[in-house]
Amino acid sequence: MTLVPAYGRDYKSKKEVLSDYNAGKDFLVSDFFSPFDGKPANKNDLAGERRIFIRYKKLTQICIVPYKGE
């Protein structure tokens, strides 16, 4: 699943992305094949997802969120 920053936020580094993701901030689902495309989601909403990619730096970079299992 691919996410993009919500509410006009953008990030300059992977560290910033992961910090906000782990803090539970919202991101927008940007996945054409998902029924949640365009909807806000955060870490708690995506607990069962194994592959999460977050685009940042004006959507030119991709951060892969490490999966920690359940």
N, C-alpha and C. Protein backbone atom coordinates (compact mmCIF):
# COMPACT_ATOMS: atom_id res chain seq x y z
N MET A 1 0.85 -1.16 0.00
CA MET A 1 0.00 0.00 0.00
C MET A 1 0.89 1.23 0.00
N THR A 2 0.51 2.21 -0.78
CA THR A 2 1.29 3.44 -0.88
C THR A 2 0.54 4.58 -0.20
N LEU A 3 1.29 5.36 0.58
CA LEU A 3 0.73 6.51 1.28
C LEU A 3 1.46 7.77 0.87
N VAL A 4 0.78 8.90 1.00
CA VAL A 4 1.40 10.20 0.80
C VAL A 4 1.05 11.07 2.00
N PRO A 5 1.88 12.07 2.31
CA PRO A 5 1.58 12.93 3.46
C PRO A 5 0.23 13.64 3.31
N ALA A 6 -0.46 13.80 4.42
CA ALA A 6 -1.77 14.45 4.42
C ALA A 6 -1.65 15.89 4.92
N TYR A 7 -2.69 16.66 4.65
CA TYR A 7 -2.84 18.01 5.18
C TYR A 7 -1.71 18.96 4.78
N GLY A 8 -1.16 18.78 3.58
CA GLY A 8 -0.14 19.68 3.08
C GLY A 8 1.26 19.44 3.61
N ARG A 9 1.44 18.40 4.42
CA ARG A 9 2.78 18.12 4.95
C ARG A 9 3.67 17.55 3.85
N ASP A 10 4.97 17.73 4.03
CA ASP A 10 5.97 17.09 3.19
C ASP A 10 7.20 16.87 4.06
N TYR A 11 8.05 15.97 3.65
CA TYR A 11 9.21 15.61 4.45
C TYR A 11 10.47 15.68 3.61
N LYS A 12 11.58 15.96 4.26
CA LYS A 12 12.86 16.04 3.57
C LYS A 12 13.71 14.80 3.78
N SER A 13 13.35 13.97 4.77
CA SER A 13 14.15 12.78 5.05
C SER A 13 13.28 11.60 5.48
N LYS A 14 13.85 10.42 5.32
CA LYS A 14 13.17 9.20 5.74
C LYS A 14 12.93 9.22 7.25
N LYS A 15 13.87 9.76 8.00
CA LYS A 15 13.76 9.84 9.46
C LYS A 15 12.51 10.63 9.87
N GLU A 16 12.26 11.76 9.19
CA GLU A 16 11.06 12.56 9.48
C GLU A 16 9.78 11.79 9.17
N VAL A 17 9.79 11.07 8.04
CA VAL A 17 8.62 10.29 7.63
C VAL A 17 8.29 9.24 8.68
N LEU A 18 9.30 8.45 9.05
CA LEU A 18 9.06 7.38 10.02
C LEU A 18 8.68 7.92 11.39
N SER A 19 9.23 9.07 11.76
CA SER A 19 8.89 9.68 13.05
C SER A 19 7.40 10.02 13.11
N ASP A 20 6.89 10.68 12.06
CA ASP A 20 5.46 11.04 12.05
C ASP A 20 4.57 9.81 11.89
N TYR A 21 4.99 8.84 11.08
CA TYR A 21 4.21 7.62 10.92
C TYR A 21 4.08 6.90 12.27
N ASN A 22 5.19 6.74 12.96
CA ASN A 22 5.18 6.05 14.26
C ASN A 22 4.46 6.85 15.34
N ALA A 23 4.35 8.17 15.15
CA ALA A 23 3.62 9.02 16.09
C ALA A 23 2.11 8.96 15.84
N GLY A 24 1.71 8.27 14.78
CA GLY A 24 0.28 8.10 14.51
C GLY A 24 -0.34 9.20 13.68
N LYS A 25 0.47 10.01 13.00
CA LYS A 25 -0.09 11.07 12.16
C LYS A 25 -0.73 10.47 10.91
N ASP A 26 -1.70 11.19 10.37
CA ASP A 26 -2.43 10.72 9.20
C ASP A 26 -1.63 10.87 7.92
N PHE A 27 -1.84 9.92 7.03
CA PHE A 27 -1.34 9.94 5.66
C PHE A 27 -2.51 9.59 4.77
N LEU A 28 -2.44 9.94 3.51
CA LEU A 28 -3.51 9.59 2.57
C LEU A 28 -3.13 8.35 1.79
N VAL A 29 -4.08 7.44 1.67
CA VAL A 29 -3.87 6.23 0.87
C VAL A 29 -3.84 6.64 -0.59
N SER A 30 -2.79 6.26 -1.28
CA SER A 30 -2.63 6.57 -2.70
C SER A 30 -2.38 5.26 -3.43
N ASP A 31 -3.42 4.44 -3.47
CA ASP A 31 -3.31 3.10 -4.03
C ASP A 31 -4.57 2.83 -4.84
N PHE A 32 -4.44 2.88 -6.14
CA PHE A 32 -5.58 2.73 -7.04
C PHE A 32 -6.37 1.45 -6.79
N PHE A 33 -5.71 0.39 -6.37
CA PHE A 33 -6.37 -0.90 -6.19
C PHE A 33 -7.00 -1.06 -4.80
N SER A 34 -6.84 -0.08 -3.95
CA SER A 34 -7.40 -0.15 -2.61
C SER A 34 -8.76 0.54 -2.56
N PRO A 35 -9.71 -0.03 -1.82
CA PRO A 35 -11.00 0.65 -1.67
C PRO A 35 -10.87 1.91 -0.82
N PHE A 36 -9.73 2.10 -0.18
CA PHE A 36 -9.51 3.26 0.67
C PHE A 36 -8.71 4.36 -0.02
N ASP A 37 -8.54 4.27 -1.32
CA ASP A 37 -7.77 5.26 -2.08
C ASP A 37 -8.31 6.67 -1.79
N GLY A 38 -7.41 7.57 -1.40
CA GLY A 38 -7.79 8.96 -1.12
C GLY A 38 -8.24 9.20 0.31
N LYS A 39 -8.37 8.16 1.11
CA LYS A 39 -8.83 8.30 2.50
C LYS A 39 -7.62 8.44 3.44
N PRO A 40 -7.81 9.14 4.56
CA PRO A 40 -6.73 9.24 5.54
C PRO A 40 -6.56 7.94 6.32
N ALA A 41 -5.32 7.64 6.69
CA ALA A 41 -5.01 6.44 7.48
C ALA A 41 -3.76 6.72 8.30
N ASN A 42 -3.64 6.01 9.42
CA ASN A 42 -2.45 6.15 10.25
C ASN A 42 -1.94 4.76 10.63
N LYS A 43 -0.91 4.73 11.46
CA LYS A 43 -0.27 3.47 11.82
C LYS A 43 -1.26 2.47 12.41
N ASN A 44 -2.16 2.93 13.26
CA ASN A 44 -3.14 2.02 13.88
C ASN A 44 -4.09 1.44 12.85
N ASP A 45 -4.48 2.23 11.86
CA ASP A 45 -5.39 1.76 10.82
C ASP A 45 -4.75 0.70 9.93
N LEU A 46 -3.43 0.75 9.82
CA LEU A 46 -2.71 -0.12 8.88
C LEU A 46 -1.95 -1.24 9.57
N ALA A 47 -2.37 -1.60 10.75
CA ALA A 47 -1.65 -2.58 11.56
C ALA A 47 -1.46 -3.92 10.85
N GLY A 48 -2.38 -4.35 10.01
CA GLY A 48 -2.27 -5.64 9.35
C GLY A 48 -1.53 -5.62 8.03
N GLU A 49 -1.18 -4.44 7.54
CA GLU A 49 -0.49 -4.32 6.24
C GLU A 49 0.97 -4.72 6.37
N ARG A 50 1.44 -5.51 5.44
CA ARG A 50 2.85 -5.94 5.47
C ARG A 50 3.75 -5.03 4.67
N ARG A 51 3.24 -4.48 3.59
CA ARG A 51 4.06 -3.62 2.73
C ARG A 51 3.47 -2.22 2.70
N ILE A 52 4.18 -1.28 3.30
CA ILE A 52 3.74 0.10 3.30
C ILE A 52 4.87 0.96 2.74
N PHE A 53 4.53 1.72 1.72
CA PHE A 53 5.47 2.64 1.10
C PHE A 53 4.93 4.04 1.31
N ILE A 54 5.79 4.97 1.70
CA ILE A 54 5.36 6.36 1.90
C ILE A 54 6.20 7.24 0.99
N ARG A 55 5.51 7.98 0.13
CA ARG A 55 6.19 8.91 -0.77
C ARG A 55 6.42 10.23 -0.04
N TYR A 56 7.56 10.85 -0.28
CA TYR A 56 7.89 12.13 0.35
C TYR A 56 8.82 12.93 -0.55
N LYS A 57 9.27 14.08 -0.09
CA LYS A 57 10.15 14.97 -0.85
C LYS A 57 9.51 15.31 -2.19
N LYS A 58 8.30 15.91 -2.08
CA LYS A 58 7.48 16.26 -3.25
C LYS A 58 7.18 15.04 -4.11
N LEU A 59 6.98 13.90 -3.44
CA LEU A 59 6.61 12.62 -4.06
C LEU A 59 7.70 12.04 -4.94
N THR A 60 8.95 12.45 -4.75
CA THR A 60 10.04 11.93 -5.57
C THR A 60 10.82 10.81 -4.90
N GLN A 61 10.64 10.61 -3.58
CA GLN A 61 11.35 9.58 -2.84
C GLN A 61 10.34 8.63 -2.20
N ILE A 62 10.79 7.41 -1.92
CA ILE A 62 9.92 6.42 -1.28
C ILE A 62 10.60 5.88 -0.03
N CYS A 63 9.84 5.84 1.05
CA CYS A 63 10.29 5.26 2.32
C CYS A 63 9.52 3.96 2.51
N ILE A 64 10.25 2.89 2.78
CA ILE A 64 9.61 1.60 3.06
C ILE A 64 9.50 1.44 4.56
N VAL A 65 8.29 1.26 5.04
CA VAL A 65 8.06 1.11 6.49
C VAL A 65 8.40 -0.33 6.89
N PRO A 66 9.31 -0.50 7.84
CA PRO A 66 9.67 -1.87 8.27
C PRO A 66 8.47 -2.57 8.91
N TYR A 67 8.26 -3.83 8.52
CA TYR A 67 7.18 -4.64 9.09
C TYR A 67 7.71 -5.36 10.32
N LYS A 68 7.00 -5.22 11.43
CA LYS A 68 7.45 -5.83 12.69
C LYS A 68 6.64 -7.04 13.08
N GLY A 69 5.66 -7.42 12.28
CA GLY A 69 4.85 -8.60 12.62
C GLY A 69 3.89 -8.33 13.77
N GLU A 70 3.12 -9.33 14.07
CA GLU A 70 2.13 -9.17 15.14
C GLU A 70 2.42 -10.06 16.29
